[in-house]
Protein backbone atom coordinates (compact mmCIF):
# COMPACT_ATOMS: atom_id res chain seq x y z
CA UNK A 1 9.41 -0.83 30.98
CA UNK A 2 8.45 -3.76 28.81
CA UNK A 3 5.26 -5.57 29.86
CA UNK A 4 5.73 -9.29 30.45
CA UNK A 5 5.19 -11.52 27.46
CA UNK A 6 3.39 -14.80 28.21
CA UNK A 7 4.77 -18.03 26.83
CA UNK A 8 2.84 -20.18 24.42
CA UNK A 9 2.22 -22.71 27.17
CA UNK A 10 -0.04 -20.24 28.94
CA UNK A 11 -3.79 -20.65 28.37
CA UNK A 12 -5.29 -18.35 25.75
CA UNK A 13 -1.97 -17.66 24.06
CA UNK A 14 -1.60 -18.04 20.31
CA UNK A 15 0.62 -16.93 17.44
CA UNK A 16 0.12 -16.72 13.70
CA UNK A 17 2.67 -15.97 10.99
CA UNK A 18 1.58 -13.34 8.48
CA UNK A 19 3.37 -13.09 5.17
CA UNK A 20 2.99 -11.68 1.69
CA UNK A 21 2.81 -14.81 -0.44
CA UNK A 22 4.65 -15.33 -3.70
CA UNK A 23 1.28 -15.47 -5.47
CA UNK A 24 0.80 -11.75 -4.77
CA UNK A 25 4.04 -10.94 -6.58
CA UNK A 26 3.12 -13.39 -9.36
CA UNK A 27 -0.26 -11.77 -9.96
CA UNK A 28 1.32 -8.32 -10.11
CA UNK A 29 4.03 -9.57 -12.48
CA UNK A 30 1.48 -11.23 -14.81
CA UNK A 31 -0.76 -8.15 -14.80
CA UNK A 32 2.20 -5.91 -15.63
CA UNK A 33 3.27 -8.22 -18.45
CA UNK A 34 -0.20 -8.47 -19.99
CA UNK A 35 -1.41 -4.93 -19.39
CA UNK A 36 1.45 -2.46 -19.26
CA UNK A 37 3.91 -4.36 -21.42
CA UNK A 38 2.26 -4.18 -24.87
CA UNK A 39 1.20 -0.55 -24.39
CA UNK A 40 4.63 0.56 -23.23
CA UNK A 41 6.46 -1.30 -25.97
CA UNK A 42 4.14 -0.01 -28.69
CA UNK A 43 4.44 3.58 -27.51
CA UNK A 44 8.22 3.35 -27.12
CA UNK A 45 8.74 1.84 -30.57
CA UNK A 46 6.38 4.31 -32.22
CA UNK A 47 7.83 7.39 -30.53
CA UNK A 48 11.41 6.32 -31.22
CA UNK A 49 10.67 5.82 -34.90
CA UNK A 50 8.86 9.15 -35.11
CA UNK A 51 11.67 11.08 -33.42
CA UNK A 52 14.25 9.59 -35.77
CA UNK A 53 12.06 10.24 -38.80
CA UNK A 54 11.40 13.85 -37.80
CA UNK A 55 15.07 14.48 -37.12
CA UNK A 56 16.05 13.29 -40.59
CA UNK A 57 13.29 15.35 -42.22
CA UNK A 58 14.51 18.49 -40.47
CA UNK A 59 18.15 17.82 -41.37
CA UNK A 60 17.47 17.02 -45.05
CA UNK A 61 14.55 19.44 -45.38
CA UNK A 62 12.76 16.64 -47.20
CA UNK A 63 9.23 15.90 -45.89
CA UNK A 64 9.31 12.44 -47.50
CA UNK A 65 12.68 11.39 -46.11
CA UNK A 66 12.93 8.43 -43.70
CA UNK A 67 15.74 7.27 -41.55
CA UNK A 68 17.61 4.20 -42.66
CA UNK A 69 16.39 0.89 -41.33
CA UNK A 70 19.65 -0.07 -39.47
CA UNK A 71 19.77 3.12 -37.38
CA UNK A 72 16.04 3.06 -36.72
CA UNK A 73 15.92 -0.60 -35.79
CA UNK A 74 18.99 -0.33 -33.56
CA UNK A 75 17.43 2.52 -31.56
CA UNK A 76 14.16 0.64 -31.12
CA UNK A 77 15.88 -2.62 -30.19
CA UNK A 78 17.95 -0.78 -27.60
CA UNK A 79 14.92 0.77 -25.89
CA UNK A 80 12.49 -2.16 -26.04
CA UNK A 81 14.43 -4.42 -23.59
CA UNK A 82 14.88 -1.48 -21.20
CA UNK A 83 11.17 -0.66 -21.24
CA UNK A 84 10.31 -4.35 -20.84
CA UNK A 85 12.56 -4.61 -17.79
CA UNK A 86 11.08 -1.50 -16.17
CA UNK A 87 7.49 -2.56 -16.87
CA UNK A 88 7.98 -6.03 -15.37
CA UNK A 89 10.34 -5.32 -12.48
CA UNK A 90 9.28 -1.92 -11.17
CA UNK A 91 5.83 -2.96 -9.82
CA UNK A 92 7.41 -5.87 -7.94
CA UNK A 93 10.09 -3.56 -6.52
CA UNK A 94 7.45 -1.11 -5.30
CA UNK A 95 5.52 -3.91 -3.63
CA UNK A 96 8.68 -5.29 -2.01
CA UNK A 97 9.45 -1.84 -0.56
CA UNK A 98 6.11 -1.92 1.25
CA UNK A 99 7.00 -5.13 2.99
CA UNK A 100 8.19 -4.90 6.55
CA UNK A 101 10.28 -7.42 8.43
CA UNK A 102 9.03 -10.66 9.83
CA UNK A 103 5.34 -10.06 10.59
CA UNK A 104 3.22 -12.02 13.02
CA UNK A 105 0.18 -11.68 15.23
CA UNK A 106 0.07 -12.94 18.81
CA UNK A 107 -2.71 -12.96 21.36
CA UNK A 108 -2.84 -13.64 25.08
CA UNK A 109 -4.86 -12.73 28.14
CA UNK A 110 -3.83 -9.08 27.82
CA UNK A 111 -4.92 -8.60 24.21
CA UNK A 112 -3.78 -9.00 20.62
CA UNK A 113 -0.49 -7.70 19.21
CA UNK A 114 0.72 -7.15 15.66
CA UNK A 115 4.52 -7.41 15.42
CA UNK A 116 6.92 -6.15 12.78
CA UNK A 117 10.17 -7.93 13.48
CA UNK A 118 10.73 -7.60 17.21
CA UNK A 119 8.79 -4.32 17.50
CA UNK A 120 5.13 -3.88 18.34
CA UNK A 121 3.14 -2.22 15.55
CA UNK A 122 -0.36 -2.43 17.05
CA UNK A 123 -1.72 -3.59 20.38
CA UNK A 124 -5.40 -3.85 21.32
CA UNK A 125 -6.35 -4.64 24.89
CA UNK A 126 -8.71 -7.57 25.37
CA UNK A 127 -11.04 -5.47 27.53
CA UNK A 128 -11.83 -3.12 24.62
CA UNK A 129 -11.49 -5.57 21.71
CA UNK A 130 -14.34 -6.00 19.24
CA UNK A 131 -14.16 -8.82 16.71
CA UNK A 132 -15.72 -9.02 13.27
CA UNK A 133 -15.51 -12.09 11.05
CA UNK A 134 -16.45 -12.38 7.38
CA UNK A 135 -16.37 -15.51 5.24
CA UNK A 136 -16.62 -15.22 1.45
CA UNK A 137 -18.34 -18.16 -0.21
CA UNK A 138 -18.81 -19.04 -3.85
CA UNK A 139 -21.69 -21.17 -5.00
CA UNK A 140 -21.73 -23.52 -7.97
CA UNK A 141 -24.72 -25.37 -9.35
CA UNK A 142 -24.74 -28.67 -11.20
CA UNK A 143 -28.32 -29.47 -11.93
CA UNK A 144 -30.16 -29.74 -8.63
CA UNK A 145 -26.93 -29.98 -6.66
CA UNK A 146 -25.63 -26.80 -5.04
CA UNK A 147 -22.05 -26.68 -3.75
CA UNK A 148 -20.52 -23.93 -1.64
CA UNK A 149 -16.79 -23.22 -1.47
CA UNK A 150 -15.06 -21.10 1.14
CA UNK A 151 -12.97 -18.56 -0.78
CA UNK A 152 -11.54 -16.41 1.99
CA UNK A 153 -11.93 -15.60 5.66
CA UNK A 154 -11.21 -12.13 7.09
CA UNK A 155 -11.07 -11.45 10.84
CA UNK A 156 -10.60 -7.95 12.22
CA UNK A 157 -10.04 -7.02 15.86
CA UNK A 158 -10.69 -3.35 16.63
CA UNK A 159 -11.41 -1.05 19.54
CA UNK A 160 -13.42 2.19 19.98
CA UNK A 161 -10.26 4.31 19.53
CA UNK A 162 -9.89 3.16 15.90
CA UNK A 163 -7.09 0.61 16.26
CA UNK A 164 -7.44 -2.32 13.88
CA UNK A 165 -5.62 -5.60 13.39
CA UNK A 166 -6.79 -7.48 10.30
CA UNK A 167 -5.84 -11.02 9.41
CA UNK A 168 -7.07 -13.02 6.46
CA UNK A 169 -6.65 -16.34 4.78
CA UNK A 170 -7.33 -17.13 1.14
CA UNK A 171 -8.20 -20.66 0.10
CA UNK A 172 -5.27 -22.15 -1.88
CA UNK A 173 -7.57 -22.84 -4.84
CA UNK A 174 -8.31 -19.12 -5.16
CA UNK A 175 -4.81 -17.74 -4.56
CA UNK A 176 -4.65 -16.17 -8.00
CA UNK A 177 -8.22 -14.85 -7.84
CA UNK A 178 -8.49 -11.04 -7.74
CA UNK A 179 -11.83 -11.06 -5.93
CA UNK A 180 -10.92 -13.37 -3.07
CA UNK A 181 -10.12 -10.51 -0.66
CA UNK A 182 -11.30 -6.90 -0.33
CA UNK A 183 -9.53 -4.49 -2.68
CA UNK A 184 -7.72 -2.72 0.16
CA UNK A 185 -6.23 -6.06 1.29
CA UNK A 186 -4.83 -7.20 -2.06
CA UNK A 187 -1.35 -5.99 -1.14
CA UNK A 188 -1.54 -7.03 2.52
CA UNK A 189 0.02 -10.13 4.11
CA UNK A 190 -2.24 -13.10 4.83
CA UNK A 191 -2.18 -15.99 7.24
CA UNK A 192 -0.52 -19.18 6.15
CA UNK A 193 -2.45 -21.70 8.25
CA UNK A 194 -6.15 -22.35 8.74
CA UNK A 195 -5.57 -23.20 12.41
CA UNK A 196 -4.51 -19.59 13.03
CA UNK A 197 -7.96 -18.22 12.15
CA UNK A 198 -9.66 -20.88 14.24
CA UNK A 199 -7.39 -20.24 17.22
CA UNK A 200 -7.92 -16.48 17.03
CA UNK A 201 -11.70 -16.85 16.90
CA UNK A 202 -11.58 -19.31 19.78
CA UNK A 203 -9.75 -16.74 21.88
CA UNK A 204 -11.66 -13.68 20.63
CA UNK A 205 -15.25 -14.65 19.97
CA UNK A 206 -17.03 -12.37 17.46
CA UNK A 207 -19.19 -9.69 19.05
CA UNK A 208 -22.97 -9.88 19.07
CA UNK A 209 -23.07 -6.64 17.07
CA UNK A 210 -19.71 -6.75 15.22
CA UNK A 211 -18.43 -3.55 13.65
CA UNK A 212 -17.88 -3.25 9.93
CA UNK A 213 -14.57 -4.54 8.59
CA UNK A 214 -12.79 -1.42 7.36
CA UNK A 215 -9.23 -0.56 6.34
CA UNK A 216 -6.91 0.65 9.05
CA UNK A 217 -5.02 3.93 8.85
CA UNK A 218 -2.26 2.43 6.70
CA UNK A 219 -4.63 0.92 4.14
CA UNK A 220 -6.89 4.00 4.12
CA UNK A 221 -3.99 6.06 2.81
CA UNK A 222 -4.47 4.33 -0.55
CA UNK A 223 -8.13 5.08 -1.30
CA UNK A 224 -10.08 4.84 -4.55
CA UNK A 225 -9.03 1.24 -5.17
CA UNK A 226 -12.17 0.41 -7.15
CA UNK A 227 -12.05 3.63 -9.18
CA UNK A 228 -8.35 3.20 -9.96
CA UNK A 229 -8.90 -0.37 -11.13
CA UNK A 230 -11.85 0.69 -13.29
CA UNK A 231 -9.86 3.52 -14.90
CA UNK A 232 -6.96 1.20 -15.71
CA UNK A 233 -9.26 -1.44 -17.20
CA UNK A 234 -11.07 1.10 -19.38
CA UNK A 235 -7.78 2.61 -20.53
CA UNK A 236 -6.35 -0.82 -21.32
CA UNK A 237 -9.50 -1.67 -23.23
CA UNK A 238 -9.09 1.45 -25.36
CA UNK A 239 -5.45 0.58 -26.00
CA UNK A 240 -6.41 -2.98 -26.90
CA UNK A 241 -8.88 -1.74 -29.50
CA UNK A 242 -6.19 0.33 -31.17
CA UNK A 243 -3.62 -2.47 -31.34
CA UNK A 244 -5.71 -4.24 -33.99
CA UNK A 245 -6.43 -1.12 -36.03
CA UNK A 246 -2.98 0.27 -36.83
CA UNK A 247 -3.16 -0.82 -40.46
CA UNK A 248 -6.27 1.28 -41.09
CA UNK A 249 -6.32 4.27 -43.41
CA UNK A 250 -5.28 7.75 -42.31
CA UNK A 251 -8.84 8.87 -41.50
CA UNK A 252 -9.25 5.96 -39.13
CA UNK A 253 -5.86 6.70 -37.55
CA UNK A 254 -7.17 10.04 -36.33
CA UNK A 255 -9.86 8.20 -34.38
CA UNK A 256 -7.26 5.76 -33.05
CA UNK A 257 -5.15 8.71 -31.94
CA UNK A 258 -8.11 10.17 -30.05
CA UNK A 259 -8.70 6.84 -28.30
CA UNK A 260 -5.07 6.67 -27.23
CA UNK A 261 -5.17 10.27 -26.01
CA UNK A 262 -8.23 9.41 -23.90
CA UNK A 263 -6.49 6.26 -22.60
CA UNK A 264 -3.41 8.29 -21.65
CA UNK A 265 -5.55 10.76 -19.72
CA UNK A 266 -7.21 7.88 -17.83
CA UNK A 267 -3.79 6.41 -16.99
CA UNK A 268 -2.74 9.84 -15.67
CA UNK A 269 -5.87 10.15 -13.50
CA UNK A 270 -5.17 6.70 -12.03
CA UNK A 271 -1.89 8.11 -10.70
CA UNK A 272 -3.90 10.16 -8.20
CA UNK A 273 -4.05 7.12 -5.93
CA UNK A 274 -0.30 6.90 -5.15
CA UNK A 275 -0.10 10.71 -5.21
CA UNK A 276 -2.71 10.94 -2.48
CA UNK A 277 -0.89 8.37 -0.35
CA UNK A 278 2.43 10.13 -0.87
CA UNK A 279 0.95 13.42 0.32
CA UNK A 280 -0.67 11.77 3.35
CA UNK A 281 2.56 10.05 4.40
CA UNK A 282 4.61 13.21 3.80
CA UNK A 283 2.11 15.18 5.88
CA UNK A 284 2.45 12.66 8.72
CA UNK A 285 6.23 12.97 8.59
CA UNK A 286 6.06 16.77 8.64
CA UNK A 287 3.73 16.70 11.64
CA UNK A 288 6.44 14.91 13.65
CA UNK A 289 9.29 17.10 12.41
CA UNK A 290 9.58 18.91 15.77
CA UNK A 291 9.14 15.84 17.96
CA UNK A 292 11.50 15.40 20.90
CA UNK A 293 13.52 12.32 21.73
CA UNK A 294 12.04 10.94 24.96
CA UNK A 295 11.65 7.71 26.88
CA UNK A 296 8.77 6.54 29.04
CA UNK A 297 8.83 4.82 32.38
CA UNK A 298 6.27 3.74 34.96
CA UNK A 299 6.61 4.82 38.59
CA UNK A 300 5.96 2.29 41.39
CA UNK A 301 2.64 4.02 42.05
CA UNK A 302 1.57 3.40 38.45
CA UNK A 303 2.08 6.97 37.20
CA UNK A 304 3.63 7.41 33.77
CA UNK A 305 6.87 9.36 33.62
CA UNK A 306 8.58 10.80 30.57
CA UNK A 307 12.30 11.54 30.44
CA UNK A 308 13.18 14.44 28.15
CA UNK A 309 16.33 14.80 26.11
CA UNK A 310 17.74 17.21 28.71
CA UNK A 311 17.44 14.55 31.41
CA UNK A 312 14.37 15.89 33.19
CA UNK A 313 11.82 13.28 34.29
CA UNK A 314 8.28 14.67 34.39
CA UNK A 315 4.86 13.15 35.03
CA UNK A 316 3.25 12.40 31.67
CA UNK A 317 -0.34 13.19 30.74
CA UNK A 318 -1.29 10.64 28.06
CA UNK A 319 -5.03 11.33 28.03
CA UNK A 320 -4.71 12.96 24.57
CA UNK A 321 -2.42 10.29 23.13
CA UNK A 322 -3.94 8.04 20.46
CA UNK A 323 -1.49 5.52 19.02
CA UNK A 324 -1.79 2.18 17.25
CA UNK A 325 0.00 0.60 20.20
CA UNK A 326 -2.14 1.35 23.24
CA UNK A 327 0.79 0.38 25.48
CA UNK A 328 3.41 2.44 23.67
CA UNK A 329 4.10 4.35 26.90
CA UNK A 330 5.04 1.08 28.61
CA UNK A 331 7.55 -0.10 26.02
CA UNK A 332 11.26 0.08 26.64
CA UNK A 333 13.44 2.25 24.47
CA UNK A 334 13.64 5.78 23.15
CA UNK A 335 10.92 7.26 20.92
CA UNK A 336 10.06 10.64 19.43
CA UNK A 337 7.06 12.45 20.85
CA UNK A 338 5.15 15.69 20.43
CA UNK A 339 4.75 17.10 23.92
CA UNK A 340 3.80 20.32 25.66
CA UNK A 341 5.39 21.20 28.99
CA UNK A 342 2.86 22.54 31.47
CA UNK A 343 4.82 24.52 34.03
CA UNK A 344 3.82 24.93 37.66
CA UNK A 345 0.73 27.14 37.68
CA UNK A 346 0.31 27.31 41.46
CA UNK A 347 3.51 27.87 43.40
CA UNK A 348 1.68 27.60 46.72
CA UNK A 349 0.34 24.12 46.05
CA UNK A 350 3.74 23.01 44.75
CA UNK A 351 2.40 21.12 41.73
CA UNK A 352 5.25 19.91 39.50
CA UNK A 353 5.47 20.54 35.79
CA UNK A 354 3.76 17.99 33.53
CA UNK A 355 4.42 16.77 30.01
CA UNK A 356 1.26 16.52 27.91
CA UNK A 357 1.91 13.89 25.23
CA UNK A 358 0.02 14.43 21.96
CA UNK A 359 1.69 11.94 19.59
CA UNK A 360 4.41 9.29 19.60
CA UNK A 361 6.55 8.27 16.64
CA UNK A 362 8.51 5.01 16.78
CA UNK A 363 11.43 3.89 14.64
CA UNK A 364 9.23 1.24 13.02
CA UNK A 365 6.77 3.90 11.86
CA UNK A 366 9.52 6.16 10.54
CA UNK A 367 11.09 3.29 8.59
CA UNK A 368 7.68 2.37 7.17
CA UNK A 369 7.05 5.93 6.02
CA UNK A 370 10.46 6.12 4.33
CA UNK A 371 9.79 2.90 2.41
CA UNK A 372 6.32 4.03 1.35
CA UNK A 373 7.58 7.43 0.17
CA UNK A 374 10.21 5.74 -2.03
CA UNK A 375 7.70 3.20 -3.38
CA UNK A 376 5.11 5.90 -4.12
CA UNK A 377 7.66 8.14 -5.82
CA UNK A 378 8.68 5.27 -8.13
CA UNK A 379 5.05 4.36 -8.81
CA UNK A 380 4.04 7.95 -9.56
CA UNK A 381 6.97 8.40 -11.94
CA UNK A 382 6.21 5.11 -13.70
CA UNK A 383 2.49 5.81 -14.02
CA UNK A 384 3.00 9.33 -15.37
CA UNK A 385 5.70 8.15 -17.78
CA UNK A 386 3.37 5.42 -19.02
CA UNK A 387 0.57 7.96 -19.47
CA UNK A 388 2.89 10.33 -21.34
CA UNK A 389 3.98 7.55 -23.70
CA UNK A 390 0.38 6.72 -24.57
CA UNK A 391 -0.56 10.39 -24.93
CA UNK A 392 2.41 11.04 -27.18
CA UNK A 393 1.78 8.13 -29.53
CA UNK A 394 -1.90 9.13 -29.64
CA UNK A 395 -0.95 12.69 -30.56
CA UNK A 396 1.43 11.44 -33.25
CA UNK A 397 -1.28 9.27 -34.79
CA UNK A 398 -3.87 12.02 -34.55
CA UNK A 399 -1.62 14.51 -36.31
CA UNK A 400 -0.60 11.88 -38.91
CA UNK A 401 3.08 12.27 -38.02
CA UNK A 402 3.55 8.61 -37.10
CA UNK A 403 3.71 6.03 -39.88
CA UNK A 404 3.61 2.29 -39.25
C-alpha cells in the first residue's frame, strides 16, 4: 500500500534536485593526472626498462649488456599510453559506479523523503525530525575592511533512530575547492539551487539544540578520509622529491630507493579505506543472504500484514525493524526480509502465528551494494597496483639494478 503523495500545490510541499556535478569528476580527473600520472608513468617506464635489461643480461650472461634502444623504447611506448588511460579514466569510472539514478529530495506535511529514481531511499517523519544547519564562511581582510563569503551550506535532517538525509550546496565560486564541504561529502551529490536550501529550512526549522552533522550509514562505510588524504599527500611528496634526483650518483640513488619504498608502503596503507568499505558492504550482503521474498500490506484496522512466499498472510511485528525508510512496510511491491515466524503458543486463546521482521532489503539497496562492490574492487586493485609499481622501482633503485 503506497501512502498518498501530495502535489506541489499543497502547502509545505517542496522538491529539490540533487546531482553529482561535473566539477566533482573534473577535480578527480585533475588530481589523478597531477598525482598518480607521473608516478605511474615513471614506475612503468623504469620497471619495463629494467625487466628488458635483466632479460638480456641473463640470456647473454653479460652483466654489462643492455637491450637495444628500438626494442626497449617500443615496449615502454606501448605501456605508457595504457597506464595513462588507466590512471585518468579508472577513478572517474569508480565514481560513476557509485552514482544512482535520478536523485531528489522532497518534503511535505508527512516528512522528508530521499528518492533514487522512483524508489524511496530514506524517509523521516516530520514528528521525529531534527534539523541541523551549518554554513561555512571564509573571511578576507583588505586593510580595515573585512569581507565574509559564504562557501557552503549543509543541512541535515535526522531522527533518534539514526536516519539521516543530508543536502548541501557549494557556492559556484568555490566549486573546485577541496575544503568547501566535509571530507565525507566530497563524493556526494549536492543541490543545484539556492532556493532549495531556503525552502527546506522554511519547512523544517533548525532545532533549538541541533544534533551534530554526521555521515549516514552509507558515508560511514568509507572512514578515515582525513588519514587517507594525509597518507596520499605524504607519499606523493616523497615521490615528488625523487623525480628531481634521478641523475644523482649511485650512493644517492639508494636513498631515493628508500624514499620510494616508503612512499609505496604509504600508498598500500591508503588502500585500507576501500578495503574496509568493501568488507562492510559484503558483510551487509551476507547478512541478507537468507532473506525471504515477502510483501507488506496494511489491514483496515491499521495492523501490518506480511505475505510470505508460500502465500500465507501473517500479522507482522515491526517493533525490531530499523530501516532507512521508516515507512518501508507501507510501500507497494515485493521486498526481501529477515523474519522469524512465531507459532501459536497458546492453543486455548487461539492466537495466530506472527512474523517478527528484523530487517528489510529493497532492490534499490541491493543494486547500490552491487555497484559499490564493483567500484571498490576496481579501486583496491588500482591502489595496490600503484603501490606495487612504486615499491618495485624503489627496490630497483635501492639495489642499483635500475639505470636511468
